Amino acid sequence: MNIPKITADQVQEILDKKFIRVFDLQYAEGAHYFDATRRAKEDIVAIKSEEEFKKMLPDAVSCVVIVLLPGKEPQLLLSYEYRYPTGRFLLSVPAGLLDPEDKDEANPIVTTAIREIHEETGIVVDTRRDTVEAINPFLFSSPGMTDESNALVKVILHLDNLDQLDQTGAVGQEFFDGFCFVNKEKAAELLKNGVDDKGHFYSVYTWAALMYFVSDMWK
């Protein structure tokens, strides 16, 4: 089997912006494949060795947040976040990029998840009572076009009430338009319909959160 082997000298930079780069992966003579990425040239996935590939950290985390309140059934916490490429508020999970300093922490994925939940929901995770752990430490978003990756993280919050809920902690280009709490029955409905209550499609990570929740894999 003639599998392409891409090396650093076969990579040409096409675009370099703060949050997005595009590289031409010249994997054979006269053959080009374009890679959209968040990574610098020396860190793109295509040129990593097998050992480096297996030890990578993701670009970001996406959180499956399950809220347990006294006397109530478990609920999945989602929100409506404006996603520029779609031009709409989409039903979304709390998510965000790993900051450079996160990578020096004992558990970069957990550190990022806790910070992003606080920024996007106002909730302060208490690791003495709450659960924060990786469901999957590295998932490619759409590897036919990009090496962008996310960790999928389970977060179980034991709360007395929802007084902490707040979306004013959004930073930079982030915009939110309210929360959406769904029980198991509602999650199944959203999965069956394939759209939210506004008739809008949602991301693959929202789909994954709904599936994980409705299948009881979080228990």
Foldseek 3Di string as FASTA:
>chain_A
DDDFQFALVQWDWDDDDQQWTKIWRNRDVVDTAIAIERDDSVPFQRHDDPVDNVPDFAFKAFEFEWEDEPPDAIKTKWFFKQDVVVRGTATGTQMDGQDPVLVVDPDSHQVRVQVSCCLAFQDHADVVPKDKDWPARWDAQDVSHYRHIYTYIYIYHYDHDSVRGDGPSDDDPIDTDGMDIGHLVVLVVCLVLCGDPVRHHHGVSSVVSSVCRNVVVSD
